[in-house]
Amino acid sequence: MLHFELVTPEKLVRSEDVYMVVVPGTEGDFGVLEGHAPLMSTVRDGALSIYRSEKGEPETIVIIGGFAEVSETGLTVLAESIG
């Protein structure tokens, strides 16, 4: 499982283990699974899709700008705000 955190300047919005997250990067959407190579990207306004299982429907959260970092510990999305 991929450890995922969604953070705004005000609070930690999510911290959970998920199957995959699709992030609206400024260069295009990208999916992050467990074991993804390290990466940093700016994030555009759009929908973050959170998949809790391989076959399940995603939960979407609208985010406004920010950054995404994939590291050995998982994915952290630092959003300016959520919609």
N, C-alpha and C. Protein backbone atom coordinates (compact mmCIF):
# COMPACT_ATOMS: atom_id res chain seq x y z
N MET A 1 0.85 -1.20 0.00
CA MET A 1 0.00 0.00 0.00
C MET A 1 0.88 1.25 0.00
N LEU A 2 0.33 2.31 -0.56
CA LEU A 2 1.00 3.60 -0.66
C LEU A 2 0.54 4.47 0.51
N HIS A 3 1.49 5.05 1.25
CA HIS A 3 1.11 5.99 2.31
C HIS A 3 0.89 7.35 1.66
N PHE A 4 -0.30 7.93 1.89
CA PHE A 4 -0.70 9.19 1.26
C PHE A 4 -1.08 10.21 2.32
N GLU A 5 -0.56 11.43 2.14
CA GLU A 5 -0.94 12.54 3.01
C GLU A 5 -1.34 13.73 2.16
N LEU A 6 -2.45 14.35 2.52
CA LEU A 6 -2.91 15.59 1.91
C LEU A 6 -2.90 16.65 2.99
N VAL A 7 -2.16 17.73 2.72
CA VAL A 7 -1.94 18.77 3.72
C VAL A 7 -2.26 20.13 3.12
N THR A 8 -2.93 20.99 3.89
CA THR A 8 -3.13 22.40 3.52
C THR A 8 -2.40 23.23 4.56
N PRO A 9 -2.24 24.53 4.33
CA PRO A 9 -1.58 25.36 5.35
C PRO A 9 -2.30 25.31 6.70
N GLU A 10 -3.60 25.02 6.70
CA GLU A 10 -4.37 25.01 7.94
C GLU A 10 -4.28 23.70 8.71
N LYS A 11 -4.22 22.55 7.97
CA LYS A 11 -4.31 21.28 8.69
C LYS A 11 -3.89 20.09 7.83
N LEU A 12 -3.72 18.97 8.49
CA LEU A 12 -3.53 17.68 7.82
C LEU A 12 -4.92 17.18 7.47
N VAL A 13 -5.22 17.06 6.17
CA VAL A 13 -6.56 16.68 5.72
C VAL A 13 -6.70 15.16 5.70
N ARG A 14 -5.69 14.45 5.21
CA ARG A 14 -5.71 12.99 5.12
C ARG A 14 -4.34 12.43 5.44
N SER A 15 -4.33 11.28 6.05
CA SER A 15 -3.12 10.49 6.25
C SER A 15 -3.57 9.04 6.31
N GLU A 16 -3.36 8.31 5.21
CA GLU A 16 -3.88 6.95 5.12
C GLU A 16 -3.09 6.14 4.10
N ASP A 17 -3.25 4.83 4.17
CA ASP A 17 -2.66 3.93 3.19
C ASP A 17 -3.70 3.64 2.13
N VAL A 18 -3.32 3.82 0.85
CA VAL A 18 -4.24 3.64 -0.27
C VAL A 18 -3.55 2.81 -1.36
N TYR A 19 -4.32 2.42 -2.36
CA TYR A 19 -3.76 1.66 -3.47
C TYR A 19 -3.04 2.58 -4.46
N MET A 20 -3.71 3.68 -4.88
CA MET A 20 -3.14 4.59 -5.86
C MET A 20 -3.79 5.96 -5.73
N VAL A 21 -3.01 6.99 -6.10
CA VAL A 21 -3.54 8.36 -6.16
C VAL A 21 -3.17 8.94 -7.52
N VAL A 22 -4.14 9.57 -8.19
CA VAL A 22 -3.89 10.27 -9.44
C VAL A 22 -3.88 11.77 -9.13
N VAL A 23 -2.74 12.41 -9.44
CA VAL A 23 -2.51 13.80 -9.07
C VAL A 23 -2.59 14.69 -10.32
N PRO A 24 -3.28 15.84 -10.24
CA PRO A 24 -3.33 16.76 -11.38
C PRO A 24 -2.06 17.63 -11.44
N GLY A 25 -1.01 17.09 -12.00
CA GLY A 25 0.25 17.83 -12.11
C GLY A 25 0.17 18.90 -13.19
N THR A 26 1.02 19.90 -13.11
CA THR A 26 1.00 20.97 -14.12
C THR A 26 1.44 20.47 -15.48
N GLU A 27 2.19 19.38 -15.55
CA GLU A 27 2.61 18.79 -16.81
C GLU A 27 1.66 17.69 -17.26
N GLY A 28 0.59 17.48 -16.52
CA GLY A 28 -0.39 16.44 -16.82
C GLY A 28 -0.63 15.57 -15.60
N ASP A 29 -1.72 14.83 -15.63
CA ASP A 29 -2.06 13.94 -14.52
C ASP A 29 -1.05 12.81 -14.42
N PHE A 30 -0.74 12.38 -13.20
CA PHE A 30 0.14 11.23 -13.02
C PHE A 30 -0.35 10.38 -11.86
N GLY A 31 -0.24 9.08 -12.03
CA GLY A 31 -0.65 8.14 -11.01
C GLY A 31 0.53 7.69 -10.17
N VAL A 32 0.30 7.53 -8.88
CA VAL A 32 1.36 7.10 -7.96
C VAL A 32 0.90 5.83 -7.26
N LEU A 33 1.71 4.79 -7.41
CA LEU A 33 1.51 3.51 -6.73
C LEU A 33 2.65 3.30 -5.75
N GLU A 34 2.50 2.33 -4.88
CA GLU A 34 3.59 1.96 -3.96
C GLU A 34 4.84 1.65 -4.78
N GLY A 35 6.00 2.13 -4.32
CA GLY A 35 7.26 1.86 -4.99
C GLY A 35 7.59 2.82 -6.12
N HIS A 36 6.79 3.89 -6.30
CA HIS A 36 7.04 4.88 -7.35
C HIS A 36 8.40 5.53 -7.14
N ALA A 37 9.06 5.88 -8.22
CA ALA A 37 10.35 6.59 -8.14
C ALA A 37 10.15 7.96 -7.49
N PRO A 38 11.16 8.44 -6.77
CA PRO A 38 11.04 9.77 -6.15
C PRO A 38 10.75 10.84 -7.21
N LEU A 39 9.93 11.81 -6.84
CA LEU A 39 9.47 12.80 -7.79
C LEU A 39 8.95 14.01 -7.04
N MET A 40 9.15 15.19 -7.62
CA MET A 40 8.51 16.41 -7.12
C MET A 40 7.82 17.08 -8.30
N SER A 41 6.63 17.61 -8.08
CA SER A 41 5.88 18.26 -9.16
C SER A 41 5.01 19.36 -8.58
N THR A 42 4.82 20.41 -9.38
CA THR A 42 3.81 21.38 -9.01
C THR A 42 2.46 20.81 -9.39
N VAL A 43 1.42 21.27 -8.72
CA VAL A 43 0.08 20.75 -8.92
C VAL A 43 -0.83 21.87 -9.41
N ARG A 44 -1.64 21.56 -10.42
CA ARG A 44 -2.59 22.54 -10.91
C ARG A 44 -3.94 22.35 -10.20
N ASP A 45 -4.81 23.32 -10.33
CA ASP A 45 -6.17 23.18 -9.79
C ASP A 45 -6.83 22.00 -10.48
N GLY A 46 -7.44 21.11 -9.71
CA GLY A 46 -8.10 19.96 -10.32
C GLY A 46 -8.49 18.93 -9.29
N ALA A 47 -8.89 17.77 -9.80
CA ALA A 47 -9.38 16.70 -8.93
C ALA A 47 -8.27 15.69 -8.63
N LEU A 48 -8.08 15.44 -7.37
CA LEU A 48 -7.18 14.40 -6.88
C LEU A 48 -8.04 13.14 -6.74
N SER A 49 -7.63 12.04 -7.38
CA SER A 49 -8.41 10.79 -7.32
C SER A 49 -7.71 9.79 -6.42
N ILE A 50 -8.41 9.33 -5.39
CA ILE A 50 -7.84 8.42 -4.39
C ILE A 50 -8.50 7.05 -4.54
N TYR A 51 -7.68 6.05 -4.88
CA TYR A 51 -8.18 4.69 -5.04
C TYR A 51 -7.77 3.88 -3.81
N ARG A 52 -8.74 3.37 -3.08
CA ARG A 52 -8.44 2.58 -1.88
C ARG A 52 -8.13 1.12 -2.22
N SER A 53 -8.58 0.67 -3.41
CA SER A 53 -8.29 -0.69 -3.86
C SER A 53 -8.11 -0.67 -5.37
N GLU A 54 -7.60 -1.76 -5.92
CA GLU A 54 -7.31 -1.82 -7.35
C GLU A 54 -8.57 -1.71 -8.20
N LYS A 55 -9.67 -2.25 -7.72
CA LYS A 55 -10.90 -2.29 -8.52
C LYS A 55 -11.97 -1.31 -8.07
N GLY A 56 -11.74 -0.61 -6.97
CA GLY A 56 -12.77 0.28 -6.44
C GLY A 56 -12.88 1.59 -7.19
N GLU A 57 -13.99 2.25 -6.99
CA GLU A 57 -14.20 3.58 -7.55
C GLU A 57 -13.38 4.60 -6.75
N PRO A 58 -12.81 5.60 -7.42
CA PRO A 58 -12.01 6.58 -6.68
C PRO A 58 -12.86 7.59 -5.93
N GLU A 59 -12.30 8.09 -4.85
CA GLU A 59 -12.85 9.26 -4.17
C GLU A 59 -12.12 10.45 -4.77
N THR A 60 -12.82 11.52 -5.08
CA THR A 60 -12.16 12.69 -5.64
C THR A 60 -12.25 13.86 -4.67
N ILE A 61 -11.15 14.60 -4.60
CA ILE A 61 -11.08 15.80 -3.78
C ILE A 61 -10.54 16.91 -4.68
N VAL A 62 -11.24 18.01 -4.78
CA VAL A 62 -10.79 19.14 -5.58
C VAL A 62 -9.73 19.90 -4.79
N ILE A 63 -8.57 20.11 -5.43
CA ILE A 63 -7.49 20.85 -4.78
C ILE A 63 -7.14 22.07 -5.61
N ILE A 64 -6.62 23.06 -4.93
CA ILE A 64 -6.22 24.31 -5.58
C ILE A 64 -4.72 24.46 -5.40
N GLY A 65 -3.98 24.30 -6.52
CA GLY A 65 -2.54 24.52 -6.53
C GLY A 65 -1.75 23.75 -5.49
N GLY A 66 -0.44 23.93 -5.53
CA GLY A 66 0.44 23.33 -4.54
C GLY A 66 1.54 22.49 -5.15
N PHE A 67 2.01 21.53 -4.37
CA PHE A 67 3.12 20.67 -4.76
C PHE A 67 2.82 19.23 -4.37
N ALA A 68 3.44 18.30 -5.08
CA ALA A 68 3.35 16.88 -4.74
C ALA A 68 4.77 16.35 -4.64
N GLU A 69 5.02 15.53 -3.63
CA GLU A 69 6.32 14.89 -3.47
C GLU A 69 6.13 13.40 -3.24
N VAL A 70 6.80 12.62 -4.08
CA VAL A 70 6.85 11.18 -3.90
C VAL A 70 8.22 10.86 -3.34
N SER A 71 8.26 10.16 -2.21
CA SER A 71 9.53 9.78 -1.59
C SER A 71 9.45 8.32 -1.16
N GLU A 72 10.48 7.87 -0.50
CA GLU A 72 10.49 6.49 -0.01
C GLU A 72 9.35 6.22 0.98
N THR A 73 8.88 7.28 1.65
CA THR A 73 7.83 7.11 2.66
C THR A 73 6.42 7.21 2.07
N GLY A 74 6.29 7.60 0.80
CA GLY A 74 4.97 7.69 0.17
C GLY A 74 4.77 8.99 -0.59
N LEU A 75 3.50 9.39 -0.72
CA LEU A 75 3.11 10.59 -1.47
C LEU A 75 2.56 11.63 -0.51
N THR A 76 3.10 12.85 -0.62
CA THR A 76 2.57 13.97 0.14
C THR A 76 2.13 15.03 -0.85
N VAL A 77 0.89 15.48 -0.75
CA VAL A 77 0.39 16.57 -1.57
C VAL A 77 0.18 17.77 -0.64
N LEU A 78 0.89 18.85 -0.95
CA LEU A 78 0.77 20.10 -0.18
C LEU A 78 -0.08 21.04 -1.01
N ALA A 79 -1.37 21.12 -0.72
CA ALA A 79 -2.30 21.93 -1.51
C ALA A 79 -2.47 23.31 -0.88
N GLU A 80 -2.63 24.32 -1.73
CA GLU A 80 -2.91 25.66 -1.23
C GLU A 80 -4.25 25.67 -0.50
N SER A 81 -5.23 24.96 -1.06
CA SER A 81 -6.52 24.78 -0.40
C SER A 81 -7.26 23.63 -1.07
N ILE A 82 -8.34 23.20 -0.44
CA ILE A 82 -9.18 22.17 -1.05
C ILE A 82 -10.56 22.76 -1.28
N GLY A 83 -11.23 22.26 -2.36
CA GLY A 83 -12.51 22.84 -2.75
C GLY A 83 -13.66 22.17 -2.19
